C-alpha cells in the first residue's frame, strides 16, 4: 500500500509540475549555475525579441523553472521579454532531487537544440560542467559522464582538454572561428611541440680534434623525426586491413564512435592503439 501511495503521489506531482501556468515575468530570475552551462547569444536574443514584438510570446515554448522560479531552460526568451516588454510568460515548474539531476535535465533539453559537437562549443561546455562541484567539494561530473552527456567519446574530451591547456593562441583562435576541427587543432599542436623540441646535432670528428671540451664532443642520438605523410598513409592502410577482420557489430560501434569524432574508422583505431600503448609502456 505504501508503494502504491508513493507512486500515486509521484504521478500527481509530475502532472502538477508539468502544467503550464502564466506568471509575471519579474517573478523569474536567472540561476547562475544553470545559466553558465550555455552562453546566451546577443543576436539570438534580439531576434527572439523582434519576433515577440510582432507576434507575442510563443506559448508552445514555455520557460522551464525550478520550484524557486530559477530558470532552467529559457534564459534567452527571458532576456528577450525584457526587450519586447512582455509582462506575463508561460512556465512549467520542475522539481529535482539534486543539482546534478537538474543539470542533466537541462543538458538533455539543450542537446536537441545546440550543436554541442561544434568543437569550440564542446571545449567551452566541458570546462563549465567540469567546474561544478558537489556539497563535499568534489567534481559533480566525471569526464566519462560529461562525454556521455555531450555525445562524444572520452578520447575527444581528452583532446579538448589538452588543446585548451597547451595549444597556441593562433590554433585556439582558428578552432573558435570554425576554421579547423578539434582533431586538426590537436595534430597542429603536436606538430608545433615536436618542432620546438629540436634534436641536438652530434659533434663530428673534426670538432673533437679542434680542441673542444670533451663534454661538448659527446654524440647525442637524434630524436626520431615525425612520420612522413607516406609513412602515415602506409600505417593507415595496415589498420584498414585489421578493420576488415572485425565483426559487423564491432564495425558499427567503431563507425558510430568515428562519426562522433569526425574521424575515419582507421584514424580512430590508430588513436585507440596509441592510447593503449601509452598506458602499457613504462614511463
Protein backbone atom coordinates (compact mmCIF):
# COMPACT_ATOMS: atom_id res chain seq x y z
CA UNK A 1 0.00 0.00 0.00
CA UNK A 2 2.84 2.38 0.85
CA UNK A 3 4.45 1.74 -2.53
CA UNK A 4 1.16 2.39 -4.30
CA UNK A 5 0.66 5.62 -2.39
CA UNK A 6 4.18 6.74 -3.31
CA UNK A 7 3.56 6.01 -6.99
CA UNK A 8 0.27 7.91 -6.93
CA UNK A 9 1.95 10.87 -5.23
CA UNK A 10 4.80 10.85 -7.75
CA UNK A 11 2.36 10.73 -10.66
CA UNK A 12 0.32 13.60 -9.19
CA UNK A 13 3.46 15.65 -8.65
CA UNK A 14 4.55 15.02 -12.23
CA UNK A 15 1.20 16.21 -13.59
CA UNK A 16 1.30 19.32 -11.39
CA UNK A 17 4.88 20.26 -12.24
CA UNK A 18 4.33 19.77 -15.98
CA UNK A 19 1.29 22.05 -16.02
CA UNK A 20 1.77 25.31 -17.90
CA UNK A 21 0.89 28.38 -15.83
CA UNK A 22 1.13 32.10 -16.58
CA UNK A 23 3.25 34.18 -14.19
CA UNK A 24 4.56 37.76 -14.13
CA UNK A 25 7.94 37.87 -15.84
CA UNK A 26 9.50 39.69 -12.87
CA UNK A 27 8.88 36.59 -10.75
CA UNK A 28 11.50 34.69 -12.76
CA UNK A 29 15.22 35.03 -12.19
CA UNK A 30 18.49 33.71 -13.56
CA UNK A 31 20.10 30.83 -11.72
CA UNK A 32 23.79 31.33 -12.46
CA UNK A 33 24.72 27.65 -12.16
CA UNK A 34 22.24 26.75 -14.90
CA UNK A 35 22.76 29.89 -16.97
CA UNK A 36 26.51 29.25 -17.11
CA UNK A 37 26.19 25.91 -18.90
CA UNK A 38 25.26 27.51 -22.22
CA UNK A 39 26.02 31.09 -23.20
CA UNK A 40 23.27 33.38 -24.42
CA UNK A 41 23.97 34.94 -27.81
CA UNK A 42 23.03 38.62 -28.10
CA UNK A 43 21.96 38.41 -31.73
CA UNK A 44 19.75 35.41 -30.96
CA UNK A 45 18.11 37.24 -28.04
CA UNK A 46 17.42 40.23 -30.28
CA UNK A 47 15.86 38.02 -32.97
CA UNK A 48 13.55 36.45 -30.37
CA UNK A 49 12.64 39.90 -29.02
CA UNK A 50 11.80 41.15 -32.51
CA UNK A 51 9.54 38.14 -33.05
CA UNK A 52 7.86 38.73 -29.67
CA UNK A 53 7.13 42.36 -30.57
CA UNK A 54 5.40 41.20 -33.73
CA UNK A 55 3.70 38.01 -32.54
CA UNK A 56 3.81 37.94 -28.74
CA UNK A 57 5.32 35.17 -26.61
CA UNK A 58 5.09 31.73 -28.27
CA UNK A 59 3.10 29.77 -25.69
CA UNK A 60 4.20 26.48 -27.23
CA UNK A 61 7.68 27.23 -25.83
CA UNK A 62 7.16 27.78 -22.07
CA UNK A 63 10.10 28.67 -19.84
CA UNK A 64 11.18 25.82 -17.56
CA UNK A 65 11.84 26.83 -13.94
CA UNK A 66 12.62 25.14 -10.64
CA UNK A 67 10.39 25.45 -7.56
CA UNK A 68 12.03 28.81 -6.70
CA UNK A 69 11.37 30.12 -10.25
CA UNK A 70 15.07 29.94 -11.14
CA UNK A 71 15.28 29.46 -14.91
CA UNK A 72 16.41 26.03 -16.07
CA UNK A 73 15.59 26.48 -19.73
CA UNK A 74 14.61 29.69 -21.47
CA UNK A 75 17.22 32.26 -20.46
CA UNK A 76 17.28 33.75 -23.96
CA UNK A 77 13.48 34.01 -24.04
CA UNK A 78 13.51 35.61 -20.59
CA UNK A 79 16.05 38.22 -21.73
CA UNK A 80 14.02 38.87 -24.88
CA UNK A 81 10.92 39.51 -22.77
CA UNK A 82 12.67 42.50 -21.18
CA UNK A 83 13.43 43.95 -24.61
CA UNK A 84 9.97 43.25 -26.05
CA UNK A 85 8.06 44.44 -22.96
CA UNK A 86 6.34 41.10 -22.28
CA UNK A 87 4.57 41.21 -18.88
CA UNK A 88 3.48 37.58 -18.36
CA UNK A 89 5.01 34.34 -19.61
CA UNK A 90 4.02 30.65 -19.64
CA UNK A 91 6.17 28.49 -17.37
CA UNK A 92 6.47 24.86 -16.31
CA UNK A 93 7.73 24.18 -12.78
CA UNK A 94 10.08 21.23 -12.37
CA UNK A 95 11.35 19.73 -9.13
CA UNK A 96 14.54 17.66 -8.80
CA UNK A 97 16.13 15.68 -6.02
CA UNK A 98 19.58 17.17 -6.63
CA UNK A 99 21.50 19.83 -8.52
CA UNK A 100 23.04 17.10 -10.65
CA UNK A 101 19.61 15.83 -11.73
CA UNK A 102 18.60 19.37 -12.68
CA UNK A 103 21.76 19.92 -14.73
CA UNK A 104 21.30 16.60 -16.52
CA UNK A 105 17.73 17.60 -17.35
CA UNK A 106 18.97 20.92 -18.76
CA UNK A 107 21.67 19.19 -20.79
CA UNK A 108 19.16 16.78 -22.32
CA UNK A 109 16.97 19.71 -23.38
CA UNK A 110 19.82 21.70 -24.87
CA UNK A 111 21.37 18.75 -26.72
CA UNK A 112 18.36 18.76 -29.04
CA UNK A 113 18.83 22.43 -29.93
CA UNK A 114 22.51 23.20 -29.97
CA UNK A 115 25.43 21.89 -31.99
CA UNK A 116 27.39 20.70 -28.95
CA UNK A 117 29.67 18.72 -31.25
CA UNK A 118 30.89 22.02 -32.68
CA UNK A 119 34.41 21.75 -31.31
CA UNK A 120 34.72 25.25 -29.86
CA UNK A 121 31.37 24.84 -28.10
CA UNK A 122 32.47 21.41 -26.87
CA UNK A 123 35.53 22.82 -25.07
CA UNK A 124 33.57 25.67 -23.50
CA UNK A 125 30.75 23.37 -22.35
CA UNK A 126 33.20 20.80 -20.96
CA UNK A 127 35.02 23.46 -18.92
CA UNK A 128 31.73 24.72 -17.47
CA UNK A 129 30.49 21.26 -16.47
CA UNK A 130 33.89 20.18 -15.13
CA UNK A 131 33.90 23.19 -12.79
CA UNK A 132 30.72 22.13 -10.97
CA UNK A 133 31.29 20.66 -7.51
CA UNK A 134 29.11 18.72 -5.09
CA UNK A 135 28.43 19.58 -1.45
CA UNK A 136 31.77 17.98 -0.47
CA UNK A 137 33.81 19.97 -2.95
CA UNK A 138 34.32 17.03 -5.31
CA UNK A 139 33.64 17.08 -9.05
CA UNK A 140 29.94 16.82 -9.82
CA UNK A 141 30.60 15.09 -13.16
CA UNK A 142 33.44 12.80 -14.19
CA UNK A 143 34.98 13.24 -17.65
CA UNK A 144 33.33 9.99 -18.75
CA UNK A 145 29.92 11.27 -17.62
CA UNK A 146 30.46 14.58 -19.43
CA UNK A 147 31.49 12.76 -22.62
CA UNK A 148 28.39 10.58 -22.43
CA UNK A 149 26.06 13.53 -21.89
CA UNK A 150 27.64 15.55 -24.72
CA UNK A 151 27.54 12.59 -27.10
CA UNK A 152 31.28 12.38 -27.74
CA UNK A 153 33.99 9.88 -26.82
CA UNK A 154 36.21 10.25 -23.72
CA UNK A 155 39.14 10.44 -26.15
CA UNK A 156 37.61 13.56 -27.72
CA UNK A 157 37.22 15.11 -24.28
CA UNK A 158 40.88 14.31 -23.55
CA UNK A 159 41.94 16.05 -26.79
CA UNK A 160 39.77 19.07 -25.99
CA UNK A 161 41.38 19.45 -22.57
CA UNK A 162 44.90 19.19 -23.98
CA UNK A 163 44.23 21.70 -26.75
CA UNK A 164 42.69 24.11 -24.25
CA UNK A 165 45.74 23.86 -21.98
CA UNK A 166 48.63 23.59 -24.43
CA UNK A 167 47.70 24.89 -27.89
CA UNK A 168 48.95 28.24 -29.14
CA UNK A 169 46.63 31.24 -29.28
CA UNK A 170 46.65 31.02 -33.09
CA UNK A 171 45.41 27.43 -33.04
CA UNK A 172 42.74 28.22 -30.45
CA UNK A 173 41.53 31.19 -32.48
CA UNK A 174 41.27 29.08 -35.65
CA UNK A 175 39.33 26.46 -33.70
CA UNK A 176 36.99 29.05 -32.17
CA UNK A 177 36.30 30.53 -35.62
CA UNK A 178 35.45 27.11 -37.05
CA UNK A 179 38.39 27.19 -39.45
CA UNK A 180 39.79 23.88 -38.17
CA UNK A 181 38.38 20.88 -36.33
CA UNK A 182 39.43 19.72 -32.88
CA UNK A 183 41.37 16.84 -34.42
CA UNK A 184 43.20 19.25 -36.72
CA UNK A 185 43.96 21.60 -33.81
CA UNK A 186 45.28 18.69 -31.74
CA UNK A 187 47.54 17.49 -34.58
CA UNK A 188 48.87 21.00 -35.24
CA UNK A 189 49.60 21.41 -31.53
CA UNK A 190 51.60 18.17 -31.53
CA UNK A 191 53.49 19.23 -34.67
CA UNK A 192 54.44 22.56 -33.09
CA UNK A 193 55.61 20.81 -29.92
CA UNK A 194 57.77 18.40 -31.95
CA UNK A 195 59.24 21.28 -33.96
CA UNK A 196 60.23 23.13 -30.79
CA UNK A 197 61.99 20.06 -29.37
CA UNK A 198 64.80 20.12 -31.95
CA UNK A 199 67.37 17.31 -31.53
CA UNK A 200 70.97 18.19 -30.57
CA UNK A 201 73.26 17.61 -33.54
CA UNK A 202 76.12 15.14 -32.88
CA UNK A 203 79.65 16.56 -32.99
CA UNK A 204 81.88 15.48 -35.89
CA UNK A 205 85.39 14.07 -35.57
CA UNK A 206 86.75 17.42 -36.77
CA UNK A 207 85.24 19.26 -33.83
CA UNK A 208 86.84 16.79 -31.39
CA UNK A 209 90.28 17.29 -32.97
CA UNK A 210 89.94 21.05 -32.90
CA UNK A 211 90.49 21.10 -29.15
CA UNK A 212 86.91 21.47 -27.92
CA UNK A 213 85.99 20.31 -24.44
CA UNK A 214 85.31 16.57 -24.31
CA UNK A 215 81.83 17.10 -22.85
CA UNK A 216 80.93 19.17 -25.93
CA UNK A 217 82.05 16.42 -28.32
CA UNK A 218 79.83 13.66 -26.96
CA UNK A 219 77.46 12.43 -29.62
CA UNK A 220 73.79 12.77 -28.77
CA UNK A 221 71.50 10.50 -30.80
CA UNK A 222 68.98 12.49 -32.77
CA UNK A 223 65.32 12.05 -31.91
CA UNK A 224 63.30 10.19 -34.47
CA UNK A 225 61.61 12.67 -36.79
CA UNK A 226 57.84 12.67 -37.12
CA UNK A 227 56.34 10.22 -39.59
CA UNK A 228 56.21 11.39 -43.17
CA UNK A 229 52.82 11.57 -44.95
CA UNK A 230 53.78 8.44 -46.89
CA UNK A 231 54.54 6.55 -43.67
CA UNK A 232 51.27 7.69 -42.14
CA UNK A 233 49.36 6.52 -45.21
CA UNK A 234 51.02 3.09 -45.09
CA UNK A 235 50.15 2.75 -41.40
CA UNK A 236 46.57 3.79 -42.11
CA UNK A 237 46.29 1.07 -44.77
CA UNK A 238 47.60 -1.51 -42.30
CA UNK A 239 44.88 -0.51 -39.84
CA UNK A 240 42.25 -0.71 -42.57
CA UNK A 241 43.29 -4.33 -43.16
CA UNK A 242 42.80 -5.01 -39.45
CA UNK A 243 39.35 -3.41 -39.54
CA UNK A 244 38.23 -5.88 -42.23
CA UNK A 245 38.61 -8.67 -39.65
CA UNK A 246 36.10 -7.08 -37.24
CA UNK A 247 32.59 -8.45 -36.86
CA UNK A 248 29.64 -6.44 -38.16
CA UNK A 249 28.67 -5.40 -34.61
CA UNK A 250 32.24 -4.23 -33.88
CA UNK A 251 32.28 -2.29 -37.13
CA UNK A 252 29.02 -0.50 -36.31
CA UNK A 253 30.34 0.51 -32.88
CA UNK A 254 33.58 1.84 -34.40
CA UNK A 255 31.73 3.67 -37.17
CA UNK A 256 29.45 5.38 -34.65
CA UNK A 257 32.41 6.47 -32.49
CA UNK A 258 34.39 7.67 -35.53
CA UNK A 259 31.44 9.73 -36.81
CA UNK A 260 31.11 11.44 -33.42
CA UNK A 261 34.81 12.35 -33.51
CA UNK A 262 34.81 13.47 -37.17
CA UNK A 263 37.37 10.76 -37.97
CA UNK A 264 37.70 7.82 -40.32
CA UNK A 265 37.47 4.40 -38.67
CA UNK A 266 41.16 3.81 -39.38
CA UNK A 267 42.11 7.07 -37.65
CA UNK A 268 40.00 6.14 -34.64
CA UNK A 269 41.64 2.69 -34.36
CA UNK A 270 45.08 4.32 -34.63
CA UNK A 271 44.18 6.71 -31.78
CA UNK A 272 42.88 3.89 -29.59
CA UNK A 273 46.00 1.84 -30.24
CA UNK A 274 48.27 4.76 -29.36
CA UNK A 275 46.31 5.32 -26.13
CA UNK A 276 46.69 1.65 -25.24
CA UNK A 277 50.44 1.63 -25.95
CA UNK A 278 50.97 4.78 -23.87
CA UNK A 279 49.29 3.03 -20.92
CA UNK A 280 51.42 -0.13 -21.03
CA UNK A 281 54.78 1.43 -21.86
CA UNK A 282 56.98 2.27 -18.86
CA UNK A 283 57.49 5.95 -18.13
